[in-house]
Amino acid sequence: MRSLLVLGGLLVASVVTGCHKIYYHNGGPLVANKAAASVNEWHHVGVIGLVEFSEPVDLKRYCSAKGWSAVETENSFLSGLVSLVTYGLYTPREANVVCK
């Protein structure tokens, strides 16, 4: 019975947390082939997103002189699963940078 209660609690926790996405657009037209011009990295945060363990995403490093077109941060299923396993002490986010 106890294992059924724990399983039910994990199911409720996974449904309630959900995934989210934040999108920043720098203006102008978007790149036609987004996959060819994008970079993906994990941004490391913890304590339910209150403490940053990694530096902010360096847009100049990825896009140099071309500049950036869009930045997207998201809590995907995989990063949400990692957060669930660590009880929210480590909550990574995926950062996607699209260059011009």
PDB file of N, CA and C in Angstrom:
ATOM      1  N   MET A   1       0.818  -1.198   0.000  1.00  0.00           N
ATOM      2  CA  MET A   1       0.000   0.000   0.000  1.00  0.00           C
ATOM      3  C   MET A   1       0.864   1.265   0.000  1.00  0.00           C
ATOM      4  N   ARG A   2       1.948   1.211   0.776  1.00  0.00           N
ATOM      5  CA  ARG A   2       2.833   2.370   0.857  1.00  0.00           C
ATOM      6  C   ARG A   2       3.479   2.667  -0.500  1.00  0.00           C
ATOM      7  N   SER A   3       3.888   1.628  -1.221  1.00  0.00           N
ATOM      8  CA  SER A   3       4.505   1.847  -2.527  1.00  0.00           C
ATOM      9  C   SER A   3       3.506   2.431  -3.519  1.00  0.00           C
ATOM     10  N   LEU A   4       2.248   2.062  -3.398  1.00  0.00           N
ATOM     11  CA  LEU A   4       1.212   2.636  -4.256  1.00  0.00           C
ATOM     12  C   LEU A   4       1.027   4.125  -3.950  1.00  0.00           C
ATOM     13  N   LEU A   5       1.111   4.480  -2.688  1.00  0.00           N
ATOM     14  CA  LEU A   5       0.995   5.884  -2.280  1.00  0.00           C
ATOM     15  C   LEU A   5       2.181   6.704  -2.796  1.00  0.00           C
ATOM     16  N   VAL A   6       3.393   6.146  -2.709  1.00  0.00           N
ATOM     17  CA  VAL A   6       4.588   6.828  -3.214  1.00  0.00           C
ATOM     18  C   VAL A   6       4.497   6.989  -4.730  1.00  0.00           C
ATOM     19  N   LEU A   7       4.068   5.944  -5.432  1.00  0.00           N
ATOM     20  CA  LEU A   7       3.913   6.011  -6.875  1.00  0.00           C
ATOM     21  C   LEU A   7       2.881   7.059  -7.271  1.00  0.00           C
ATOM     22  N   GLY A   8       1.783   7.115  -6.543  1.00  0.00           N
ATOM     23  CA  GLY A   8       0.763   8.139  -6.800  1.00  0.00           C
ATOM     24  C   GLY A   8       1.300   9.540  -6.553  1.00  0.00           C
ATOM     25  N   GLY A   9       2.101   9.703  -5.515  1.00  0.00           N
ATOM     26  CA  GLY A   9       2.701  11.005  -5.225  1.00  0.00           C
ATOM     27  C   GLY A   9       3.666  11.437  -6.311  1.00  0.00           C
ATOM     28  N   LEU A  10       4.471  10.512  -6.816  1.00  0.00           N
ATOM     29  CA  LEU A  10       5.388  10.831  -7.911  1.00  0.00           C
ATOM     30  C   LEU A  10       4.630  11.184  -9.183  1.00  0.00           C
ATOM     31  N   LEU A  11       3.541  10.506  -9.448  1.00  0.00           N
ATOM     32  CA  LEU A  11       2.734  10.813 -10.624  1.00  0.00           C
ATOM     33  C   LEU A  11       2.136  12.212 -10.526  1.00  0.00           C
ATOM     34  N   VAL A  12       1.600  12.557  -9.369  1.00  0.00           N
ATOM     35  CA  VAL A  12       1.043  13.902  -9.167  1.00  0.00           C
ATOM     36  C   VAL A  12       2.130  14.958  -9.284  1.00  0.00           C
ATOM     37  N   ALA A  13       3.310  14.701  -8.707  1.00  0.00           N
ATOM     38  CA  ALA A  13       4.413  15.668  -8.776  1.00  0.00           C
ATOM     39  C   ALA A  13       4.869  15.881 -10.207  1.00  0.00           C
ATOM     40  N   SER A  14       4.924  14.815 -10.999  1.00  0.00           N
ATOM     41  CA  SER A  14       5.371  14.980 -12.379  1.00  0.00           C
ATOM     42  C   SER A  14       4.346  15.709 -13.228  1.00  0.00           C
ATOM     43  N   VAL A  15       3.075  15.541 -12.954  1.00  0.00           N
ATOM     44  CA  VAL A  15       2.034  16.240 -13.709  1.00  0.00           C
ATOM     45  C   VAL A  15       1.986  17.713 -13.320  1.00  0.00           C
ATOM     46  N   VAL A  16       2.161  18.016 -12.056  1.00  0.00           N
ATOM     47  CA  VAL A  16       2.065  19.393 -11.570  1.00  0.00           C
ATOM     48  C   VAL A  16       3.253  20.235 -12.020  1.00  0.00           C
ATOM     49  N   THR A  17       4.463  19.669 -12.069  1.00  0.00           N
ATOM     50  CA  THR A  17       5.639  20.464 -12.400  1.00  0.00           C
ATOM     51  C   THR A  17       5.631  20.922 -13.848  1.00  0.00           C
ATOM     52  N   GLY A  18       5.337  20.062 -14.786  1.00  0.00           N
ATOM     53  CA  GLY A  18       5.215  20.425 -16.202  1.00  0.00           C
ATOM     54  C   GLY A  18       6.475  21.013 -16.806  1.00  0.00           C
ATOM     55  N   CYS A  19       6.394  21.318 -18.081  1.00  0.00           N
ATOM     56  CA  CYS A  19       7.493  21.920 -18.819  1.00  0.00           C
ATOM     57  C   CYS A  19       7.157  23.369 -19.138  1.00  0.00           C
ATOM     58  N   HIS A  20       8.174  24.187 -19.298  1.00  0.00           N
ATOM     59  CA  HIS A  20       7.936  25.580 -19.658  1.00  0.00           C
ATOM     60  C   HIS A  20       9.027  26.049 -20.606  1.00  0.00           C
ATOM     61  N   LYS A  21       8.752  27.160 -21.290  1.00  0.00           N
ATOM     62  CA  LYS A  21       9.687  27.701 -22.266  1.00  0.00           C
ATOM     63  C   LYS A  21       9.612  29.225 -22.225  1.00  0.00           C
ATOM     64  N   ILE A  22      10.783  29.889 -22.263  1.00  0.00           N
ATOM     65  CA  ILE A  22      10.868  31.342 -22.355  1.00  0.00           C
ATOM     66  C   ILE A  22      11.607  31.666 -23.642  1.00  0.00           C
ATOM     67  N   TYR A  23      11.055  32.558 -24.451  1.00  0.00           N
ATOM     68  CA  TYR A  23      11.603  32.844 -25.779  1.00  0.00           C
ATOM     69  C   TYR A  23      11.888  34.339 -25.907  1.00  0.00           C
ATOM     70  N   TYR A  24      13.115  34.693 -26.306  1.00  0.00           N
ATOM     71  CA  TYR A  24      13.515  36.077 -26.547  1.00  0.00           C
ATOM     72  C   TYR A  24      13.856  36.223 -28.023  1.00  0.00           C
ATOM     73  N   HIS A  25      13.274  37.201 -28.681  1.00  0.00           N
ATOM     74  CA  HIS A  25      13.540  37.448 -30.099  1.00  0.00           C
ATOM     75  C   HIS A  25      14.191  38.811 -30.227  1.00  0.00           C
ATOM     76  N   ASN A  26      15.286  38.903 -30.985  1.00  0.00           N
ATOM     77  CA  ASN A  26      16.073  40.124 -31.107  1.00  0.00           C
ATOM     78  C   ASN A  26      15.580  41.045 -32.224  1.00  0.00           C
ATOM     79  N   GLY A  27      14.457  40.767 -32.808  1.00  0.00           N
ATOM     80  CA  GLY A  27      13.948  41.587 -33.903  1.00  0.00           C
ATOM     81  C   GLY A  27      14.515  41.139 -35.231  1.00  0.00           C
ATOM     82  N   GLY A  28      13.916  41.585 -36.282  1.00  0.00           N
ATOM     83  CA  GLY A  28      14.363  41.192 -37.612  1.00  0.00           C
ATOM     84  C   GLY A  28      13.865  39.813 -37.980  1.00  0.00           C
ATOM     85  N   PRO A  29      14.169  39.387 -39.191  1.00  0.00           N
ATOM     86  CA  PRO A  29      13.696  38.073 -39.636  1.00  0.00           C
ATOM     87  C   PRO A  29      14.446  36.941 -38.944  1.00  0.00           C
ATOM     88  N   LEU A  30      13.748  35.844 -38.742  1.00  0.00           N
ATOM     89  CA  LEU A  30      14.383  34.668 -38.159  1.00  0.00           C
ATOM     90  C   LEU A  30      15.176  33.928 -39.228  1.00  0.00           C
ATOM     91  N   VAL A  31      16.156  33.183 -38.795  1.00  0.00           N
ATOM     92  CA  VAL A  31      16.990  32.409 -39.707  1.00  0.00           C
ATOM     93  C   VAL A  31      16.144  31.296 -40.317  1.00  0.00           C
ATOM     94  N   ALA A  32      16.292  31.085 -41.629  1.00  0.00           N
ATOM     95  CA  ALA A  32      15.490  30.065 -42.312  1.00  0.00           C
ATOM     96  C   ALA A  32      15.816  28.667 -41.794  1.00  0.00           C
ATOM     97  N   ASN A  33      17.103  28.345 -41.646  1.00  0.00           N
ATOM     98  CA  ASN A  33      17.515  27.038 -41.164  1.00  0.00           C
ATOM     99  C   ASN A  33      17.973  27.175 -39.718  1.00  0.00           C
ATOM    100  N   LYS A  34      17.018  27.148 -38.786  1.00  0.00           N
ATOM    101  CA  LYS A  34      17.306  27.364 -37.380  1.00  0.00           C
ATOM    102  C   LYS A  34      18.273  26.327 -36.821  1.00  0.00           C
ATOM    103  N   ALA A  35      18.176  25.090 -37.266  1.00  0.00           N
ATOM    104  CA  ALA A  35      19.024  24.016 -36.733  1.00  0.00           C
ATOM    105  C   ALA A  35      20.490  24.236 -37.076  1.00  0.00           C
ATOM    106  N   ALA A  36      20.776  24.807 -38.245  1.00  0.00           N
ATOM    107  CA  ALA A  36      22.165  25.017 -38.659  1.00  0.00           C
ATOM    108  C   ALA A  36      22.808  26.173 -37.915  1.00  0.00           C
ATOM    109  N   ALA A  37      22.015  27.102 -37.414  1.00  0.00           N
ATOM    110  CA  ALA A  37      22.560  28.295 -36.777  1.00  0.00           C
ATOM    111  C   ALA A  37      22.348  28.313 -35.269  1.00  0.00           C
ATOM    112  N   SER A  38      21.988  27.175 -34.659  1.00  0.00           N
ATOM    113  CA  SER A  38      21.676  27.202 -33.235  1.00  0.00           C
ATOM    114  C   SER A  38      22.671  26.402 -32.404  1.00  0.00           C
ATOM    115  N   VAL A  39      22.763  26.765 -31.129  1.00  0.00           N
ATOM    116  CA  VAL A  39      23.626  26.103 -30.156  1.00  0.00           C
ATOM    117  C   VAL A  39      22.763  25.773 -28.954  1.00  0.00           C
ATOM    118  N   ASN A  40      22.939  24.584 -28.378  1.00  0.00           N
ATOM    119  CA  ASN A  40      22.157  24.154 -27.236  1.00  0.00           C
ATOM    120  C   ASN A  40      23.109  23.821 -26.092  1.00  0.00           C
ATOM    121  N   GLU A  41      22.821  24.336 -24.894  1.00  0.00           N
ATOM    122  CA  GLU A  41      23.627  23.994 -23.711  1.00  0.00           C
ATOM    123  C   GLU A  41      22.723  23.970 -22.489  1.00  0.00           C
ATOM    124  N   TRP A  42      23.153  23.258 -21.465  1.00  0.00           N
ATOM    125  CA  TRP A  42      22.406  23.239 -20.215  1.00  0.00           C
ATOM    126  C   TRP A  42      22.893  24.380 -19.342  1.00  0.00           C
ATOM    127  N   HIS A  43      21.960  25.071 -18.729  1.00  0.00           N
ATOM    128  CA  HIS A  43      22.254  26.129 -17.771  1.00  0.00           C
ATOM    129  C   HIS A  43      21.948  25.554 -16.399  1.00  0.00           C
ATOM    130  N   HIS A  44      22.936  25.553 -15.499  1.00  0.00           N
ATOM    131  CA  HIS A  44      22.827  24.855 -14.229  1.00  0.00           C
ATOM    132  C   HIS A  44      22.362  25.795 -13.117  1.00  0.00           C
ATOM    133  N   VAL A  45      21.199  25.501 -12.561  1.00  0.00           N
ATOM    134  CA  VAL A  45      20.642  26.255 -11.440  1.00  0.00           C
ATOM    135  C   VAL A  45      20.176  25.266 -10.385  1.00  0.00           C
ATOM    136  N   GLY A  46      19.912  25.772  -9.192  1.00  0.00           N
ATOM    137  CA  GLY A  46      19.487  24.894  -8.114  1.00  0.00           C
ATOM    138  C   GLY A  46      18.539  25.566  -7.159  1.00  0.00           C
ATOM    139  N   VAL A  47      18.145  24.825  -6.150  1.00  0.00           N
ATOM    140  CA  VAL A  47      17.209  25.259  -5.121  1.00  0.00           C
ATOM    141  C   VAL A  47      15.966  25.861  -5.788  1.00  0.00           C
ATOM    142  N   ILE A  48      15.315  25.055  -6.590  1.00  0.00           N
ATOM    143  CA  ILE A  48      14.092  25.412  -7.305  1.00  0.00           C
ATOM    144  C   ILE A  48      14.294  26.651  -8.186  1.00  0.00           C
ATOM    145  N   GLY A  49      15.483  26.801  -8.757  1.00  0.00           N
ATOM    146  CA  GLY A  49      15.752  27.896  -9.676  1.00  0.00           C
ATOM    147  C   GLY A  49      16.212  29.186  -9.030  1.00  0.00           C
ATOM    148  N   LEU A  50      16.520  29.182  -7.744  1.00  0.00           N
ATOM    149  CA  LEU A  50      16.907  30.410  -7.042  1.00  0.00           C
ATOM    150  C   LEU A  50      18.410  30.679  -7.067  1.00  0.00           C
ATOM    151  N   VAL A  51      19.244  29.649  -7.242  1.00  0.00           N
ATOM    152  CA  VAL A  51      20.689  29.801  -7.199  1.00  0.00           C
ATOM    153  C   VAL A  51      21.271  29.354  -8.540  1.00  0.00           C
ATOM    154  N   GLU A  52      22.108  30.201  -9.163  1.00  0.00           N
ATOM    155  CA  GLU A  52      22.752  29.846 -10.423  1.00  0.00           C
ATOM    156  C   GLU A  52      24.124  29.246 -10.141  1.00  0.00           C
ATOM    157  N   PHE A  53      24.383  28.078 -10.730  1.00  0.00           N
ATOM    158  CA  PHE A  53      25.680  27.425 -10.584  1.00  0.00           C
ATOM    159  C   PHE A  53      26.580  27.702 -11.786  1.00  0.00           C
ATOM    160  N   SER A  54      26.011  28.075 -12.905  1.00  0.00           N
ATOM    161  CA  SER A  54      26.806  28.349 -14.104  1.00  0.00           C
ATOM    162  C   SER A  54      26.674  29.825 -14.474  1.00  0.00           C
ATOM    163  N   GLU A  55      27.621  30.265 -15.268  1.00  0.00           N
ATOM    164  CA  GLU A  55      27.618  31.651 -15.738  1.00  0.00           C
ATOM    165  C   GLU A  55      26.443  31.860 -16.709  1.00  0.00           C
ATOM    166  N   PRO A  56      26.012  33.102 -16.881  1.00  0.00           N
ATOM    167  CA  PRO A  56      24.989  33.363 -17.894  1.00  0.00           C
ATOM    168  C   PRO A  56      25.477  32.940 -19.277  1.00  0.00           C
ATOM    169  N   VAL A  57      24.545  32.643 -20.157  1.00  0.00           N
ATOM    170  CA  VAL A  57      24.893  32.211 -21.514  1.00  0.00           C
ATOM    171  C   VAL A  57      25.601  33.366 -22.219  1.00  0.00           C
ATOM    172  N   ASP A  58      26.806  33.110 -22.717  1.00  0.00           N
ATOM    173  CA  ASP A  58      27.612  34.135 -23.383  1.00  0.00           C
ATOM    174  C   ASP A  58      27.267  34.172 -24.870  1.00  0.00           C
ATOM    175  N   LEU A  59      26.425  35.119 -25.258  1.00  0.00           N
ATOM    176  CA  LEU A  59      25.968  35.207 -26.644  1.00  0.00           C
ATOM    177  C   LEU A  59      27.098  35.590 -27.593  1.00  0.00           C
ATOM    178  N   LYS A  60      28.058  36.392 -27.139  1.00  0.00           N
ATOM    179  CA  LYS A  60      29.183  36.781 -28.000  1.00  0.00           C
ATOM    180  C   LYS A  60      30.062  35.583 -28.329  1.00  0.00           C
ATOM    181  N   ARG A  61      30.183  34.646 -27.411  1.00  0.00           N
ATOM    182  CA  ARG A  61      31.006  33.460 -27.654  1.00  0.00           C
ATOM    183  C   ARG A  61      30.408  32.603 -28.765  1.00  0.00           C
ATOM    184  N   TYR A  62      29.107  32.470 -28.792  1.00  0.00           N
ATOM    185  CA  TYR A  62      28.457  31.618 -29.786  1.00  0.00           C
ATOM    186  C   TYR A  62      28.227  32.325 -31.114  1.00  0.00           C
ATOM    187  N   CYS A  63      27.868  33.602 -31.065  1.00  0.00           N
ATOM    188  CA  CYS A  63      27.456  34.294 -32.292  1.00  0.00           C
ATOM    189  C   CYS A  63      28.460  35.330 -32.762  1.00  0.00           C
ATOM    190  N   SER A  64      29.522  35.577 -32.058  1.00  0.00           N
ATOM    191  CA  SER A  64      30.594  36.529 -32.373  1.00  0.00           C
ATOM    192  C   SER A  64      30.085  37.775 -33.099  1.00  0.00           C
ATOM    193  N   ALA A  65      30.562  38.036 -34.289  1.00  0.00           N
ATOM    194  CA  ALA A  65      30.232  39.283 -34.991  1.00  0.00           C
ATOM    195  C   ALA A  65      28.844  39.251 -35.627  1.00  0.00           C
ATOM    196  N   LYS A  66      28.291  38.078 -35.854  1.00  0.00           N
ATOM    197  CA  LYS A  66      26.997  37.974 -36.529  1.00  0.00           C
ATOM    198  C   LYS A  66      25.844  38.481 -35.667  1.00  0.00           C
ATOM    199  N   GLY A  67      25.948  38.328 -34.371  1.00  0.00           N
ATOM    200  CA  GLY A  67      24.863  38.700 -33.476  1.00  0.00           C
ATOM    201  C   GLY A  67      23.875  37.554 -33.306  1.00  0.00           C
ATOM    202  N   TRP A  68      22.988  37.700 -32.342  1.00  0.00           N
ATOM    203  CA  TRP A  68      22.031  36.635 -32.062  1.00  0.00           C
ATOM    204  C   TRP A  68      20.652  37.017 -32.565  1.00  0.00           C
ATOM    205  N   SER A  69      19.905  36.020 -32.945  1.00  0.00           N
ATOM    206  CA  SER A  69      18.561  36.212 -33.464  1.00  0.00           C
ATOM    207  C   SER A  69      17.508  35.871 -32.413  1.00  0.00           C
ATOM    208  N   ALA A  70      17.730  34.796 -31.659  1.00  0.00           N
ATOM    209  CA  ALA A  70      16.760  34.381 -30.644  1.00  0.00           C
ATOM    210  C   ALA A  70      17.457  33.565 -29.563  1.00  0.00           C
ATOM    211  N   VAL A  71      16.914  33.645 -28.356  1.00  0.00           N
ATOM    212  CA  VAL A  71      17.373  32.831 -27.236  1.00  0.00           C
ATOM    213  C   VAL A  71      16.140  32.207 -26.610  1.00  0.00           C
ATOM    214  N   GLU A  72      16.240  30.922 -26.330  1.00  0.00           N
ATOM    215  CA  GLU A  72      15.109  30.186 -25.781  1.00  0.00           C
ATOM    216  C   GLU A  72      15.607  29.372 -24.596  1.00  0.00           C
ATOM    217  N   THR A  73      14.983  29.511 -23.446  1.00  0.00           N
ATOM    218  CA  THR A  73      15.301  28.659 -22.311  1.00  0.00           C
ATOM    219  C   THR A  73      14.077  27.822 -22.009  1.00  0.00           C
ATOM    220  N   GLU A  74      14.319  26.553 -21.727  1.00  0.00           N
ATOM    221  CA  GLU A  74      13.181  25.681 -21.469  1.00  0.00           C
ATOM    222  C   GLU A  74      13.501  24.640 -20.419  1.00  0.00           C
ATOM    223  N   ASN A  75      12.472  24.214 -19.763  1.00  0.00           N
ATOM    224  CA  ASN A  75      12.544  23.101 -18.833  1.00  0.00           C
ATOM    225  C   ASN A  75      11.919  21.923 -19.564  1.00  0.00           C
ATOM    226  N   SER A  76      12.734  21.101 -20.184  1.00  0.00           N
ATOM    227  CA  SER A  76      12.243  19.971 -20.968  1.00  0.00           C
ATOM    228  C   SER A  76      11.901  18.802 -20.052  1.00  0.00           C
ATOM    229  N   PHE A  77      11.424  17.729 -20.651  1.00  0.00           N
ATOM    230  CA  PHE A  77      11.103  16.536 -19.873  1.00  0.00           C
ATOM    231  C   PHE A  77      12.343  15.984 -19.179  1.00  0.00           C
ATOM    232  N   LEU A  78      13.475  15.936 -19.894  1.00  0.00           N
ATOM    233  CA  LEU A  78      14.703  15.395 -19.321  1.00  0.00           C
ATOM    234  C   LEU A  78      15.210  16.252 -18.160  1.00  0.00           C
ATOM    235  N   SER A  79      15.243  17.570 -18.337  1.00  0.00           N
ATOM    236  CA  SER A  79      15.708  18.431 -17.239  1.00  0.00           C
ATOM    237  C   SER A  79      14.709  18.420 -16.077  1.00  0.00           C
ATOM    238  N   GLY A  80      13.424  18.270 -16.372  1.00  0.00           N
ATOM    239  CA  GLY A  80      12.425  18.151 -15.312  1.00  0.00           C
ATOM    240  C   GLY A  80      12.577  16.857 -14.539  1.00  0.00           C
ATOM    241  N   LEU A  81      12.949  15.789 -15.240  1.00  0.00           N
ATOM    242  CA  LEU A  81      13.180  14.508 -14.582  1.00  0.00           C
ATOM    243  C   LEU A  81      14.395  14.584 -13.655  1.00  0.00           C
ATOM    244  N   VAL A  82      15.448  15.245 -14.107  1.00  0.00           N
ATOM    245  CA  VAL A  82      16.637  15.440 -13.261  1.00  0.00           C
ATOM    246  C   VAL A  82      16.263  16.254 -12.022  1.00  0.00           C
ATOM    247  N   SER A  83      15.464  17.277 -12.200  1.00  0.00           N
ATOM    248  CA  SER A  83      15.018  18.095 -11.072  1.00  0.00           C
ATOM    249  C   SER A  83      14.182  17.281 -10.095  1.00  0.00           C
ATOM    250  N   LEU A  84      13.332  16.412 -10.610  1.00  0.00           N
ATOM    251  CA  LEU A  84      12.495  15.574  -9.757  1.00  0.00           C
ATOM    252  C   LEU A  84      13.335  14.595  -8.952  1.00  0.00           C
ATOM    253  N   VAL A  85      14.351  13.994  -9.585  1.00  0.00           N
ATOM    254  CA  VAL A  85      15.206  13.024  -8.907  1.00  0.00           C
ATOM    255  C   VAL A  85      16.014  13.684  -7.798  1.00  0.00           C
ATOM    256  N   THR A  86      16.422  14.936  -7.998  1.00  0.00           N
ATOM    257  CA  THR A  86      17.231  15.638  -6.984  1.00  0.00           C
ATOM    258  C   THR A  86      16.368  16.460  -6.019  1.00  0.00           C
ATOM    259  N   TYR A  87      15.058  16.254  -6.063  1.00  0.00           N
ATOM    260  CA  TYR A  87      14.113  16.952  -5.183  1.00  0.00           C
ATOM    261  C   TYR A  87      14.205  18.471  -5.299  1.00  0.00           C
ATOM    262  N   GLY A  88      14.521  18.982  -6.494  1.00  0.00           N
ATOM    263  CA  GLY A  88      14.569  20.417  -6.721  1.00  0.00           C
ATOM    264  C   GLY A  88      15.863  21.092  -6.297  1.00  0.00           C
ATOM    265  N   LEU A  89      16.814  20.345  -5.757  1.00  0.00           N
ATOM    266  CA  LEU A  89      18.087  20.950  -5.363  1.00  0.00           C
ATOM    267  C   LEU A  89      18.931  21.299  -6.583  1.00  0.00           C
ATOM    268  N   TYR A  90      18.757  20.556  -7.674  1.00  0.00           N
ATOM    269  CA  TYR A  90      19.433  20.853  -8.939  1.00  0.00           C
ATOM    270  C   TYR A  90      18.352  20.895 -10.013  1.00  0.00           C
ATOM    271  N   THR A  91      18.153  22.067 -10.605  1.00  0.00           N
ATOM    272  CA  THR A  91      17.097  22.244 -11.600  1.00  0.00           C
ATOM    273  C   THR A  91      17.692  22.836 -12.876  1.00  0.00           C
ATOM    274  N   PRO A  92      18.224  21.997 -13.755  1.00  0.00           N
ATOM    275  CA  PRO A  92      18.847  22.511 -14.978  1.00  0.00           C
ATOM    276  C   PRO A  92      17.819  23.049 -15.960  1.00  0.00           C
ATOM    277  N   ARG A  93      18.248  23.946 -16.812  1.00  0.00           N
ATOM    278  CA  ARG A  93      17.434  24.478 -17.904  1.00  0.00           C
ATOM    279  C   ARG A  93      18.230  24.308 -19.190  1.00  0.00           C
ATOM    280  N   GLU A  94      17.553  24.104 -20.294  1.00  0.00           N
ATOM    281  CA  GLU A  94      18.208  24.031 -21.584  1.00  0.00           C
ATOM    282  C   GLU A  94      18.147  25.401 -22.229  1.00  0.00           C
ATOM    283  N   ALA A  95      19.297  25.915 -22.646  1.00  0.00           N
ATOM    284  CA  ALA A  95      19.375  27.212 -23.307  1.00  0.00           C
ATOM    285  C   ALA A  95      19.730  26.994 -24.772  1.00  0.00           C
ATOM    286  N   ASN A  96      18.895  27.501 -25.680  1.00  0.00           N
ATOM    287  CA  ASN A  96      19.124  27.396 -27.110  1.00  0.00           C
ATOM    288  C   ASN A  96      19.361  28.792 -27.665  1.00  0.00           C
ATOM    289  N   VAL A  97      20.498  28.985 -28.339  1.00  0.00           N
ATOM    290  CA  VAL A  97      20.855  30.269 -28.927  1.00  0.00           C
ATOM    291  C   VAL A  97      20.808  30.126 -30.440  1.00  0.00           C
ATOM    292  N   VAL A  98      20.078  31.017 -31.115  1.00  0.00           N
ATOM    293  CA  VAL A  98      20.012  31.020 -32.575  1.00  0.00           C
ATOM    294  C   VAL A  98      20.734  32.260 -33.061  1.00  0.00           C
ATOM    295  N   CYS A  99      21.794  32.067 -33.850  1.00  0.00           N
ATOM    296  CA  CYS A  99      22.583  33.185 -34.373  1.00  0.00           C
ATOM    297  C   CYS A  99      22.003  33.676 -35.695  1.00  0.00           C
ATOM    298  N   LYS A 100      22.333  34.925 -36.051  1.00  0.00           N
ATOM    299  CA  LYS A 100      21.872  35.486 -37.322  1.00  0.00           C
ATOM    300  C   LYS A 100      22.659  34.927 -38.470  1.00  0.00           C
TER     301      LYS A 100
END
